[in-house]
Amino acid sequence: MYDFIRANQLNIMLFLCGACSAVFFLLFITRFISETRRRAVILMELIAFFLIFFDRFAYIYAVPDILW
């Protein structure tokens, strides 16, 4: 199982970026929760997206011999 995760780490991170962006979009168009709570959750999703996205690039450019 560990080898599977290690082999597909970049794909998993890309999937998580997509999940964060989907939740961000859905929160952006919803009117169900209050404005302050919605703004807080939108910011958390946006920050999580950028953290995962830049961490993915760090793996790509810093350690390509381990991942490939």
PDB file of N, CA and C in Angstrom:
ATOM      1  N   MET A   1       0.820  -1.191   0.000  1.00  0.00           N
ATOM      2  CA  MET A   1       0.000   0.000   0.000  1.00  0.00           C
ATOM      3  C   MET A   1       0.864   1.254   0.000  1.00  0.00           C
ATOM      4  N   TYR A   2       1.961   1.195   0.771  1.00  0.00           N
ATOM      5  CA  TYR A   2       2.854   2.342   0.833  1.00  0.00           C
ATOM      6  C   TYR A   2       3.483   2.615  -0.530  1.00  0.00           C
ATOM      7  N   ASP A   3       3.825   1.573  -1.251  1.00  0.00           N
ATOM      8  CA  ASP A   3       4.409   1.756  -2.583  1.00  0.00           C
ATOM      9  C   ASP A   3       3.410   2.367  -3.554  1.00  0.00           C
ATOM     10  N   PHE A   4       2.144   1.980  -3.423  1.00  0.00           N
ATOM     11  CA  PHE A   4       1.103   2.554  -4.278  1.00  0.00           C
ATOM     12  C   PHE A   4       0.956   4.053  -4.030  1.00  0.00           C
ATOM     13  N   ILE A   5       0.936   4.446  -2.763  1.00  0.00           N
ATOM     14  CA  ILE A   5       0.808   5.870  -2.430  1.00  0.00           C
ATOM     15  C   ILE A   5       2.038   6.631  -2.899  1.00  0.00           C
ATOM     16  N   ARG A   6       3.198   6.051  -2.706  1.00  0.00           N
ATOM     17  CA  ARG A   6       4.433   6.721  -3.125  1.00  0.00           C
ATOM     18  C   ARG A   6       4.499   6.867  -4.643  1.00  0.00           C
ATOM     19  N   ALA A   7       4.024   5.878  -5.365  1.00  0.00           N
ATOM     20  CA  ALA A   7       4.056   5.931  -6.824  1.00  0.00           C
ATOM     21  C   ALA A   7       3.037   6.924  -7.373  1.00  0.00           C
ATOM     22  N   ASN A   8       1.941   7.108  -6.678  1.00  0.00           N
ATOM     23  CA  ASN A   8       0.872   7.974  -7.171  1.00  0.00           C
ATOM     24  C   ASN A   8       0.699   9.245  -6.342  1.00  0.00           C
ATOM     25  N   GLN A   9       1.743   9.670  -5.665  1.00  0.00           N
ATOM     26  CA  GLN A   9       1.653  10.819  -4.771  1.00  0.00           C
ATOM     27  C   GLN A   9       1.266  12.091  -5.514  1.00  0.00           C
ATOM     28  N   LEU A  10       1.853  12.339  -6.653  1.00  0.00           N
ATOM     29  CA  LEU A  10       1.541  13.559  -7.399  1.00  0.00           C
ATOM     30  C   LEU A  10       0.115  13.539  -7.934  1.00  0.00           C
ATOM     31  N   ASN A  11      -0.365  12.371  -8.327  1.00  0.00           N
ATOM     32  CA  ASN A  11      -1.745  12.263  -8.797  1.00  0.00           C
ATOM     33  C   ASN A  11      -2.737  12.491  -7.664  1.00  0.00           C
ATOM     34  N   ILE A  12      -2.413  11.983  -6.480  1.00  0.00           N
ATOM     35  CA  ILE A  12      -3.278  12.198  -5.328  1.00  0.00           C
ATOM     36  C   ILE A  12      -3.317  13.677  -4.973  1.00  0.00           C
ATOM     37  N   MET A  13      -2.178  14.333  -5.026  1.00  0.00           N
ATOM     38  CA  MET A  13      -2.143  15.763  -4.724  1.00  0.00           C
ATOM     39  C   MET A  13      -2.923  16.571  -5.758  1.00  0.00           C
ATOM     40  N   LEU A  14      -2.860  16.164  -7.010  1.00  0.00           N
ATOM     41  CA  LEU A  14      -3.638  16.838  -8.041  1.00  0.00           C
ATOM     42  C   LEU A  14      -5.128  16.628  -7.828  1.00  0.00           C
ATOM     43  N   PHE A  15      -5.517  15.423  -7.425  1.00  0.00           N
ATOM     44  CA  PHE A  15      -6.916  15.154  -7.114  1.00  0.00           C
ATOM     45  C   PHE A  15      -7.392  16.014  -5.946  1.00  0.00           C
ATOM     46  N   LEU A  16      -6.563  16.164  -4.917  1.00  0.00           N
ATOM     47  CA  LEU A  16      -6.934  16.992  -3.774  1.00  0.00           C
ATOM     48  C   LEU A  16      -7.050  18.459  -4.158  1.00  0.00           C
ATOM     49  N   CYS A  17      -6.208  18.927  -5.078  1.00  0.00           N
ATOM     50  CA  CYS A  17      -6.343  20.303  -5.583  1.00  0.00           C
ATOM     51  C   CYS A  17      -7.678  20.479  -6.298  1.00  0.00           C
ATOM     52  N   GLY A  18      -8.062  19.498  -7.067  1.00  0.00           N
ATOM     53  CA  GLY A  18      -9.357  19.557  -7.743  1.00  0.00           C
ATOM     54  C   GLY A  18     -10.516  19.544  -6.766  1.00  0.00           C
ATOM     55  N   ALA A  19     -10.403  18.759  -5.717  1.00  0.00           N
ATOM     56  CA  ALA A  19     -11.459  18.721  -4.702  1.00  0.00           C
ATOM     57  C   ALA A  19     -11.574  20.063  -3.990  1.00  0.00           C
ATOM     58  N   CYS A  20     -10.442  20.671  -3.662  1.00  0.00           N
ATOM     59  CA  CYS A  20     -10.470  21.986  -3.022  1.00  0.00           C
ATOM     60  C   CYS A  20     -11.080  23.042  -3.936  1.00  0.00           C
ATOM     61  N   SER A  21     -10.745  22.999  -5.207  1.00  0.00           N
ATOM     62  CA  SER A  21     -11.300  23.991  -6.124  1.00  0.00           C
ATOM     63  C   SER A  21     -12.795  23.757  -6.358  1.00  0.00           C
ATOM     64  N   ALA A  22     -13.242  22.507  -6.347  1.00  0.00           N
ATOM     65  CA  ALA A  22     -14.671  22.226  -6.498  1.00  0.00           C
ATOM     66  C   ALA A  22     -15.456  22.734  -5.293  1.00  0.00           C
ATOM     67  N   VAL A  23     -14.931  22.493  -4.094  1.00  0.00           N
ATOM     68  CA  VAL A  23     -15.600  22.988  -2.892  1.00  0.00           C
ATOM     69  C   VAL A  23     -15.586  24.514  -2.872  1.00  0.00           C
ATOM     70  N   PHE A  24     -14.484  25.109  -3.311  1.00  0.00           N
ATOM     71  CA  PHE A  24     -14.403  26.568  -3.397  1.00  0.00           C
ATOM     72  C   PHE A  24     -15.492  27.113  -4.321  1.00  0.00           C
ATOM     73  N   PHE A  25     -15.650  26.510  -5.483  1.00  0.00           N
ATOM     74  CA  PHE A  25     -16.670  26.974  -6.433  1.00  0.00           C
ATOM     75  C   PHE A  25     -18.070  26.806  -5.861  1.00  0.00           C
ATOM     76  N   LEU A  26     -18.342  25.659  -5.230  1.00  0.00           N
ATOM     77  CA  LEU A  26     -19.665  25.434  -4.668  1.00  0.00           C
ATOM     78  C   LEU A  26     -19.962  26.384  -3.507  1.00  0.00           C
ATOM     79  N   LEU A  27     -18.948  26.679  -2.701  1.00  0.00           N
ATOM     80  CA  LEU A  27     -19.149  27.649  -1.629  1.00  0.00           C
ATOM     81  C   LEU A  27     -19.350  29.054  -2.177  1.00  0.00           C
ATOM     82  N   PHE A  28     -18.732  29.338  -3.292  1.00  0.00           N
ATOM     83  CA  PHE A  28     -18.849  30.663  -3.889  1.00  0.00           C
ATOM     84  C   PHE A  28     -20.270  30.935  -4.381  1.00  0.00           C
ATOM     85  N   ILE A  29     -20.962  29.907  -4.857  1.00  0.00           N
ATOM     86  CA  ILE A  29     -22.296  30.121  -5.414  1.00  0.00           C
ATOM     87  C   ILE A  29     -23.414  29.829  -4.419  1.00  0.00           C
ATOM     88  N   THR A  30     -23.095  29.294  -3.241  1.00  0.00           N
ATOM     89  CA  THR A  30     -24.146  28.947  -2.292  1.00  0.00           C
ATOM     90  C   THR A  30     -24.637  30.171  -1.533  1.00  0.00           C
ATOM     91  N   ARG A  31     -25.866  30.105  -1.090  1.00  0.00           N
ATOM     92  CA  ARG A  31     -26.445  31.150  -0.249  1.00  0.00           C
ATOM     93  C   ARG A  31     -26.998  30.535   1.036  1.00  0.00           C
ATOM     94  N   PHE A  32     -26.653  29.295   1.320  1.00  0.00           N
ATOM     95  CA  PHE A  32     -27.222  28.547   2.431  1.00  0.00           C
ATOM     96  C   PHE A  32     -26.642  28.979   3.777  1.00  0.00           C
ATOM     97  N   ILE A  33     -25.341  29.252   3.840  1.00  0.00           N
ATOM     98  CA  ILE A  33     -24.709  29.617   5.112  1.00  0.00           C
ATOM     99  C   ILE A  33     -24.513  31.126   5.166  1.00  0.00           C
ATOM    100  N   SER A  34     -24.207  31.620   6.347  1.00  0.00           N
ATOM    101  CA  SER A  34     -24.052  33.069   6.523  1.00  0.00           C
ATOM    102  C   SER A  34     -22.823  33.578   5.766  1.00  0.00           C
ATOM    103  N   GLU A  35     -22.813  34.857   5.531  1.00  0.00           N
ATOM    104  CA  GLU A  35     -21.745  35.474   4.727  1.00  0.00           C
ATOM    105  C   GLU A  35     -20.378  35.368   5.401  1.00  0.00           C
ATOM    106  N   THR A  36     -20.315  35.596   6.698  1.00  0.00           N
ATOM    107  CA  THR A  36     -19.012  35.543   7.380  1.00  0.00           C
ATOM    108  C   THR A  36     -18.467  34.121   7.430  1.00  0.00           C
ATOM    109  N   ARG A  37     -19.348  33.156   7.701  1.00  0.00           N
ATOM    110  CA  ARG A  37     -18.898  31.760   7.736  1.00  0.00           C
ATOM    111  C   ARG A  37     -18.494  31.295   6.347  1.00  0.00           C
ATOM    112  N   ARG A  38     -19.248  31.692   5.340  1.00  0.00           N
ATOM    113  CA  ARG A  38     -18.932  31.317   3.966  1.00  0.00           C
ATOM    114  C   ARG A  38     -17.581  31.899   3.550  1.00  0.00           C
ATOM    115  N   ARG A  39     -17.327  33.141   3.897  1.00  0.00           N
ATOM    116  CA  ARG A  39     -16.054  33.779   3.568  1.00  0.00           C
ATOM    117  C   ARG A  39     -14.883  33.070   4.244  1.00  0.00           C
ATOM    118  N   ALA A  40     -15.077  32.660   5.500  1.00  0.00           N
ATOM    119  CA  ALA A  40     -14.016  31.961   6.228  1.00  0.00           C
ATOM    120  C   ALA A  40     -13.707  30.609   5.594  1.00  0.00           C
ATOM    121  N   VAL A  41     -14.731  29.869   5.228  1.00  0.00           N
ATOM    122  CA  VAL A  41     -14.519  28.543   4.636  1.00  0.00           C
ATOM    123  C   VAL A  41     -13.932  28.675   3.232  1.00  0.00           C
ATOM    124  N   ILE A  42     -14.354  29.686   2.484  1.00  0.00           N
ATOM    125  CA  ILE A  42     -13.777  29.936   1.161  1.00  0.00           C
ATOM    126  C   ILE A  42     -12.288  30.220   1.278  1.00  0.00           C
ATOM    127  N   LEU A  43     -11.907  31.047   2.247  1.00  0.00           N
ATOM    128  CA  LEU A  43     -10.480  31.346   2.436  1.00  0.00           C
ATOM    129  C   LEU A  43      -9.695  30.106   2.851  1.00  0.00           C
ATOM    130  N   MET A  44     -10.281  29.269   3.708  1.00  0.00           N
ATOM    131  CA  MET A  44      -9.595  28.038   4.099  1.00  0.00           C
ATOM    132  C   MET A  44      -9.397  27.110   2.912  1.00  0.00           C
ATOM    133  N   GLU A  45     -10.403  26.980   2.066  1.00  0.00           N
ATOM    134  CA  GLU A  45     -10.278  26.128   0.878  1.00  0.00           C
ATOM    135  C   GLU A  45      -9.257  26.692  -0.099  1.00  0.00           C
ATOM    136  N   LEU A  46      -9.249  27.993  -0.265  1.00  0.00           N
ATOM    137  CA  LEU A  46      -8.291  28.621  -1.168  1.00  0.00           C
ATOM    138  C   LEU A  46      -6.859  28.448  -0.667  1.00  0.00           C
ATOM    139  N   ILE A  47      -6.660  28.619   0.620  1.00  0.00           N
ATOM    140  CA  ILE A  47      -5.327  28.426   1.199  1.00  0.00           C
ATOM    141  C   ILE A  47      -4.894  26.969   1.085  1.00  0.00           C
ATOM    142  N   ALA A  48      -5.815  26.039   1.341  1.00  0.00           N
ATOM    143  CA  ALA A  48      -5.487  24.610   1.219  1.00  0.00           C
ATOM    144  C   ALA A  48      -5.128  24.265  -0.219  1.00  0.00           C
ATOM    145  N   PHE A  49      -5.859  24.838  -1.174  1.00  0.00           N
ATOM    146  CA  PHE A  49      -5.553  24.597  -2.581  1.00  0.00           C
ATOM    147  C   PHE A  49      -4.131  25.043  -2.917  1.00  0.00           C
ATOM    148  N   PHE A  50      -3.787  26.258  -2.520  1.00  0.00           N
ATOM    149  CA  PHE A  50      -2.451  26.763  -2.850  1.00  0.00           C
ATOM    150  C   PHE A  50      -1.350  26.005  -2.121  1.00  0.00           C
ATOM    151  N   LEU A  51      -1.586  25.597  -0.878  1.00  0.00           N
ATOM    152  CA  LEU A  51      -0.574  24.811  -0.168  1.00  0.00           C
ATOM    153  C   LEU A  51      -0.307  23.479  -0.867  1.00  0.00           C
ATOM    154  N   ILE A  52      -1.358  22.788  -1.243  1.00  0.00           N
ATOM    155  CA  ILE A  52      -1.186  21.499  -1.920  1.00  0.00           C
ATOM    156  C   ILE A  52      -0.569  21.697  -3.301  1.00  0.00           C
ATOM    157  N   PHE A  53      -1.017  22.734  -4.006  1.00  0.00           N
ATOM    158  CA  PHE A  53      -0.528  23.000  -5.355  1.00  0.00           C
ATOM    159  C   PHE A  53       0.974  23.310  -5.361  1.00  0.00           C
ATOM    160  N   PHE A  54       1.408  24.174  -4.460  1.00  0.00           N
ATOM    161  CA  PHE A  54       2.827  24.520  -4.416  1.00  0.00           C
ATOM    162  C   PHE A  54       3.672  23.401  -3.820  1.00  0.00           C
ATOM    163  N   ASP A  55       3.109  22.620  -2.929  1.00  0.00           N
ATOM    164  CA  ASP A  55       3.826  21.457  -2.422  1.00  0.00           C
ATOM    165  C   ASP A  55       4.035  20.435  -3.531  1.00  0.00           C
ATOM    166  N   ARG A  56       3.054  20.308  -4.402  1.00  0.00           N
ATOM    167  CA  ARG A  56       3.185  19.411  -5.555  1.00  0.00           C
ATOM    168  C   ARG A  56       4.320  19.868  -6.469  1.00  0.00           C
ATOM    169  N   PHE A  57       4.387  21.174  -6.723  1.00  0.00           N
ATOM    170  CA  PHE A  57       5.484  21.692  -7.540  1.00  0.00           C
ATOM    171  C   PHE A  57       6.831  21.524  -6.852  1.00  0.00           C
ATOM    172  N   ALA A  58       6.875  21.647  -5.541  1.00  0.00           N
ATOM    173  CA  ALA A  58       8.121  21.428  -4.815  1.00  0.00           C
ATOM    174  C   ALA A  58       8.598  19.985  -4.989  1.00  0.00           C
ATOM    175  N   TYR A  59       7.689  19.035  -4.952  1.00  0.00           N
ATOM    176  CA  TYR A  59       8.060  17.645  -5.191  1.00  0.00           C
ATOM    177  C   TYR A  59       8.532  17.428  -6.628  1.00  0.00           C
ATOM    178  N   ILE A  60       7.890  18.081  -7.563  1.00  0.00           N
ATOM    179  CA  ILE A  60       8.258  17.893  -8.963  1.00  0.00           C
ATOM    180  C   ILE A  60       9.660  18.439  -9.232  1.00  0.00           C
ATOM    181  N   TYR A  61       9.950  19.625  -8.745  1.00  0.00           N
ATOM    182  CA  TYR A  61      11.202  20.284  -9.100  1.00  0.00           C
ATOM    183  C   TYR A  61      12.356  20.002  -8.153  1.00  0.00           C
ATOM    184  N   ALA A  62      12.086  19.531  -6.928  1.00  0.00           N
ATOM    185  CA  ALA A  62      13.173  19.333  -5.969  1.00  0.00           C
ATOM    186  C   ALA A  62      13.678  17.897  -5.952  1.00  0.00           C
ATOM    187  N   VAL A  63      12.810  16.916  -6.085  1.00  0.00           N
ATOM    188  CA  VAL A  63      13.225  15.522  -5.969  1.00  0.00           C
ATOM    189  C   VAL A  63      12.677  14.683  -7.117  1.00  0.00           C
ATOM    190  N   PRO A  64      13.048  14.963  -8.341  1.00  0.00           N
ATOM    191  CA  PRO A  64      12.478  14.177  -9.436  1.00  0.00           C
ATOM    192  C   PRO A  64      13.043  12.755  -9.503  1.00  0.00           C
ATOM    193  N   ASP A  65      14.250  12.491  -9.001  1.00  0.00           N
ATOM    194  CA  ASP A  65      14.825  11.159  -9.089  1.00  0.00           C
ATOM    195  C   ASP A  65      14.152  10.177  -8.136  1.00  0.00           C
ATOM    196  N   ILE A  66      13.593  10.646  -7.031  1.00  0.00           N
ATOM    197  CA  ILE A  66      12.904   9.751  -6.092  1.00  0.00           C
ATOM    198  C   ILE A  66      11.533   9.373  -6.642  1.00  0.00           C
ATOM    199  N   LEU A  67      10.857  10.336  -7.247  1.00  0.00           N
ATOM    200  CA  LEU A  67       9.499  10.083  -7.708  1.00  0.00           C
ATOM    201  C   LEU A  67       9.447   9.311  -9.013  1.00  0.00           C
ATOM    202  N   TRP A  68      10.431   9.375  -9.815  1.00  0.00           N
ATOM    203  CA  TRP A  68      10.370   8.710 -11.109  1.00  0.00           C
ATOM    204  C   TRP A  68      11.215   7.477 -11.031  1.00  0.00           C
TER     205      TRP A  68
END
